[in-house]
């Protein structure tokens, strides 16, 4: 079963992430948007990267990335390293690439009432839904591809289970696991993370 699951993931990745950069990378354009969340007053940050020459859009080549806990999408998916970012790499292969930050992360705003925890998985699924609604409407599409990373696998997977009619493909990378060495559930309404703190949390319980 594990081998079958891994094969399925690798097959999906081979569709979204070709093995090498194009010999002549396409010129990319980038746009940023603010989209209303279901939470009153919350604006979600979306970034789009695509080839400048791309004039037609379809579900098989439209990709949305959703981040994990502690880091917004742009610090993982659109962080320039070497020849460019992960988003640049996919877009250079002719894809229409999007990323979204859920409420309280990165460029997205947080709810005005911060006296209780926000950005739960349910909140994040609602935010992902708002982002998908915006993208599908803007591109006149019925479906798109989803990539979830870490906590984002729970967000993307939950959305796909609820709205399979809007998901053309699903890639789940590094899903969370239950660990006996894990800490207590956070009680604070929100948290700030340093790089060192995030790395320590990421490695907790890893053999």
Protein backbone atom coordinates (compact mmCIF):
# COMPACT_ATOMS: atom_id res chain seq x y z
CA UNK A 1 0.00 0.00 0.00
CA UNK A 2 2.84 2.40 0.88
CA UNK A 3 4.57 1.61 -2.43
CA UNK A 4 1.33 2.27 -4.32
CA UNK A 5 0.83 5.60 -2.54
CA UNK A 6 4.40 6.69 -3.24
CA UNK A 7 4.09 5.71 -6.89
CA UNK A 8 0.89 7.75 -7.18
CA UNK A 9 2.59 10.80 -5.68
CA UNK A 10 5.62 10.49 -7.94
CA UNK A 11 3.38 10.08 -10.98
CA UNK A 12 1.55 13.26 -10.05
CA UNK A 13 4.81 15.10 -9.53
CA UNK A 14 6.07 14.05 -12.92
CA UNK A 15 3.11 15.88 -14.44
CA UNK A 16 3.58 19.09 -12.49
CA UNK A 17 7.34 19.17 -12.07
CA UNK A 18 9.37 18.13 -15.14
CA UNK A 19 12.82 16.76 -14.46
CA UNK A 20 14.77 19.76 -15.74
CA UNK A 21 14.47 23.42 -16.64
CA UNK A 22 13.62 24.24 -20.23
CA UNK A 23 16.71 24.90 -22.35
CA UNK A 24 15.21 28.28 -23.19
CA UNK A 25 13.09 29.33 -20.17
CA UNK A 26 9.96 31.29 -21.01
CA UNK A 27 9.71 34.92 -19.98
CA UNK A 28 7.48 35.09 -16.91
CA UNK A 29 5.06 37.72 -15.67
CA UNK A 30 3.86 38.07 -12.08
CA UNK A 31 0.70 39.56 -10.58
CA UNK A 32 -0.55 39.92 -7.02
CA UNK A 33 -4.16 40.06 -5.84
CA UNK A 34 -6.21 40.61 -2.68
CA UNK A 35 -9.30 38.43 -2.35
CA UNK A 36 -11.99 38.64 0.31
CA UNK A 37 -12.07 35.74 2.77
CA UNK A 38 -15.21 34.34 4.38
CA UNK A 39 -13.98 35.99 7.61
CA UNK A 40 -15.20 39.62 7.87
CA UNK A 41 -12.51 42.14 6.95
CA UNK A 42 -9.89 39.52 6.01
CA UNK A 43 -8.11 39.90 2.68
CA UNK A 44 -6.23 36.94 1.24
CA UNK A 45 -2.97 37.38 -0.65
CA UNK A 46 -2.59 35.57 -3.98
CA UNK A 47 0.37 35.65 -6.35
CA UNK A 48 0.31 34.46 -9.97
CA UNK A 49 3.25 33.59 -12.22
CA UNK A 50 2.89 32.48 -15.81
CA UNK A 51 4.64 32.69 -19.18
CA UNK A 52 4.16 36.08 -20.82
CA UNK A 53 3.02 34.40 -24.03
CA UNK A 54 0.38 32.25 -22.29
CA UNK A 55 -2.98 33.28 -23.71
CA UNK A 56 -5.12 30.18 -23.18
CA UNK A 57 -5.71 28.53 -19.82
CA UNK A 58 -6.85 25.01 -19.01
CA UNK A 59 -7.35 22.93 -15.89
CA UNK A 60 -4.46 20.58 -16.59
CA UNK A 61 -1.91 23.44 -16.51
CA UNK A 62 -3.35 25.69 -13.80
CA UNK A 63 -1.75 25.03 -10.41
CA UNK A 64 -2.46 26.44 -6.93
CA UNK A 65 -0.07 25.92 -4.01
CA UNK A 66 -1.08 26.12 -0.33
CA UNK A 67 1.53 26.34 2.43
CA UNK A 68 2.08 24.53 5.70
CA UNK A 69 2.12 25.83 9.27
CA UNK A 70 4.65 28.49 10.38
CA UNK A 71 5.53 29.73 6.87
CA UNK A 72 3.52 31.52 4.16
CA UNK A 73 3.49 30.27 0.59
CA UNK A 74 5.96 32.75 -0.86
CA UNK A 75 8.80 31.79 1.53
CA UNK A 76 8.71 28.18 0.28
CA UNK A 77 7.05 28.16 -3.12
CA UNK A 78 8.40 31.44 -4.49
CA UNK A 79 11.78 31.81 -2.79
CA UNK A 80 14.49 32.33 -5.44
CA UNK A 81 17.19 29.68 -5.12
CA UNK A 82 19.76 29.12 -7.87
CA UNK A 83 17.97 29.49 -11.20
CA UNK A 84 14.73 30.66 -9.56
CA UNK A 85 11.93 29.60 -7.28
CA UNK A 86 9.78 26.48 -7.34
CA UNK A 87 6.96 28.63 -8.77
CA UNK A 88 9.29 29.95 -11.49
CA UNK A 89 10.32 26.41 -12.36
CA UNK A 90 6.75 25.23 -12.89
CA UNK A 91 5.70 28.40 -14.72
CA UNK A 92 8.71 28.09 -17.05
CA UNK A 93 7.22 24.80 -18.28
CA UNK A 94 4.09 26.60 -19.52
CA UNK A 95 1.93 26.43 -16.40
CA UNK A 96 -0.33 29.10 -14.91
CA UNK A 97 0.96 29.07 -11.32
CA UNK A 98 -0.72 30.47 -8.20
CA UNK A 99 -0.02 30.61 -4.49
CA UNK A 100 -2.23 31.67 -1.58
CA UNK A 101 -1.62 32.63 2.05
CA UNK A 102 -4.40 31.69 4.47
CA UNK A 103 -5.58 34.31 6.96
CA UNK A 104 -2.87 35.63 9.26
CA UNK A 105 0.00 34.31 7.10
CA UNK A 106 2.34 36.28 4.85
CA UNK A 107 0.53 38.91 2.81
CA UNK A 108 -2.94 37.96 4.05
CA UNK A 109 -4.55 39.90 6.87
CA UNK A 110 -5.69 38.44 10.17
CA UNK A 111 -9.15 38.73 11.76
CA UNK A 112 -9.65 41.87 13.85
CA UNK A 113 -10.54 39.77 16.90
CA UNK A 114 -7.34 38.03 17.90
CA UNK A 115 -8.54 36.97 21.35
CA UNK A 116 -9.10 33.39 20.24
CA UNK A 117 -7.24 31.03 17.87
CA UNK A 118 -7.77 31.62 14.16
CA UNK A 119 -6.52 29.99 10.95
CA UNK A 120 -7.69 26.54 12.00
CA UNK A 121 -7.76 23.88 9.29
CA UNK A 122 -11.45 24.61 8.74
CA UNK A 123 -10.67 28.34 8.40
CA UNK A 124 -7.88 27.54 5.96
CA UNK A 125 -10.17 25.32 3.84
CA UNK A 126 -12.58 28.27 3.58
CA UNK A 127 -9.72 30.55 2.53
CA UNK A 128 -8.52 28.05 -0.05
CA UNK A 129 -12.06 27.87 -1.40
CA UNK A 130 -12.20 31.65 -1.76
CA UNK A 131 -8.88 31.61 -3.65
CA UNK A 132 -10.07 28.82 -5.94
CA UNK A 133 -13.34 30.62 -6.66
CA UNK A 134 -11.34 33.70 -7.68
CA UNK A 135 -8.93 31.82 -9.93
CA UNK A 136 -11.58 29.72 -11.66
CA UNK A 137 -13.68 32.80 -12.33
CA UNK A 138 -10.71 34.82 -13.62
CA UNK A 139 -9.54 32.00 -15.91
CA UNK A 140 -13.05 30.80 -16.89
CA UNK A 141 -12.23 27.28 -15.75
CA UNK A 142 -14.18 24.59 -13.92
CA UNK A 143 -11.21 22.92 -12.20
CA UNK A 144 -7.55 23.36 -11.31
CA UNK A 145 -4.58 21.44 -9.88
CA UNK A 146 -3.73 21.63 -6.16
CA UNK A 147 -0.39 21.22 -4.39
CA UNK A 148 -0.42 21.01 -0.58
CA UNK A 149 2.72 21.05 1.56
CA UNK A 150 2.79 19.82 5.19
CA UNK A 151 -0.30 21.30 6.90
CA UNK A 152 -1.33 22.34 3.40
CA UNK A 153 -1.94 18.65 2.63
CA UNK A 154 -4.75 18.66 5.19
CA UNK A 155 -6.15 21.88 3.74
CA UNK A 156 -5.95 20.82 0.10
CA UNK A 157 -7.05 17.27 0.85
CA UNK A 158 -10.07 18.43 2.84
CA UNK A 159 -11.11 20.80 0.07
CA UNK A 160 -10.66 18.12 -2.60
CA UNK A 161 -12.79 15.68 -0.59
CA UNK A 162 -15.56 18.28 -0.28
CA UNK A 163 -15.35 19.73 -3.79
CA UNK A 164 -13.96 17.07 -6.15
CA UNK A 165 -15.83 18.80 -8.96
CA UNK A 166 -13.32 21.67 -8.74
CA UNK A 167 -10.09 19.68 -8.43
CA UNK A 168 -8.45 18.27 -11.56
CA UNK A 169 -5.39 16.91 -9.74
CA UNK A 170 -4.00 16.74 -6.21
CA UNK A 171 -0.38 16.49 -5.01
CA UNK A 172 0.30 16.09 -1.27
CA UNK A 173 3.89 16.65 -0.11
CA UNK A 174 5.26 15.87 3.38
CA UNK A 175 1.95 15.40 5.21
CA UNK A 176 2.00 15.84 9.03
CA UNK A 177 2.21 12.78 11.27
CA UNK A 178 1.29 12.06 14.88
CA UNK A 179 4.34 11.79 17.11
CA UNK A 180 4.63 10.67 20.71
CA UNK A 181 7.38 13.28 21.05
CA UNK A 182 5.10 16.12 19.95
CA UNK A 183 4.30 19.05 22.22
CA UNK A 184 1.01 20.27 23.60
CA UNK A 185 -1.59 21.89 21.39
CA UNK A 186 -0.95 25.68 21.24
CA UNK A 187 -3.34 27.71 23.36
CA UNK A 188 -2.38 31.17 22.08
CA UNK A 189 -4.58 32.93 19.55
CA UNK A 190 -1.60 33.27 17.22
CA UNK A 191 2.12 32.61 17.27
CA UNK A 192 5.31 34.11 15.90
CA UNK A 193 8.00 31.70 14.65
CA UNK A 194 11.73 32.16 14.22
CA UNK A 195 13.68 30.11 11.71
CA UNK A 196 15.34 28.15 14.54
CA UNK A 197 12.00 27.50 16.20
CA UNK A 198 10.43 26.31 12.97
CA UNK A 199 13.34 23.94 12.24
CA UNK A 200 13.18 22.47 15.75
CA UNK A 201 9.44 21.92 15.41
CA UNK A 202 9.88 20.37 11.98
CA UNK A 203 12.40 17.82 13.28
CA UNK A 204 10.45 16.82 16.40
CA UNK A 205 9.92 13.08 16.40
CA UNK A 206 11.94 12.44 13.24
CA UNK A 207 14.03 9.22 13.63
